[in-house]
């Protein structure tokens, strides 16, 4: 059971802990631009990934619909023509490869846009952090 004499010790320990955090807390103006840049970049990257995914799924749906259509064309009828069947499958495969190429192209474009965005905004945040550090250093000298 704590005694009344322990209470000042706890208060003193808490005060010491808060004093030790003073240095970290004074860095807030310096790290604030970095933190803000990080979360804004995350939001931007998520938006880019969402758009890429939307288009990717659109192509997958198209692939599924055209595969079903090709399957119907090649398996129905009384007298299927092997040459027409081979041509229909080849056409579907060609379009499928085109979709995969589009996937890769859009992926590389998305990654490039994301990398550019992050590097540009990181450079801006570093500049803001340096300004904040200079201001903080100027205040501490006064």
Foldseek 3Di string as FASTA:
>chain_A
DDDPVCVVVVVVVVVVVVVVCVVVVLLCQLCVLVVVLVVVLVVVLVVLVVVLVVVLVVVVVVLVVLVVVLVCLQPDDDDGDPVVNVVSVVVSVVVVVVSVVVSVVSVVVSVVVSVVSSVVSNVVSNVSSVVSVVVSVVVVVD
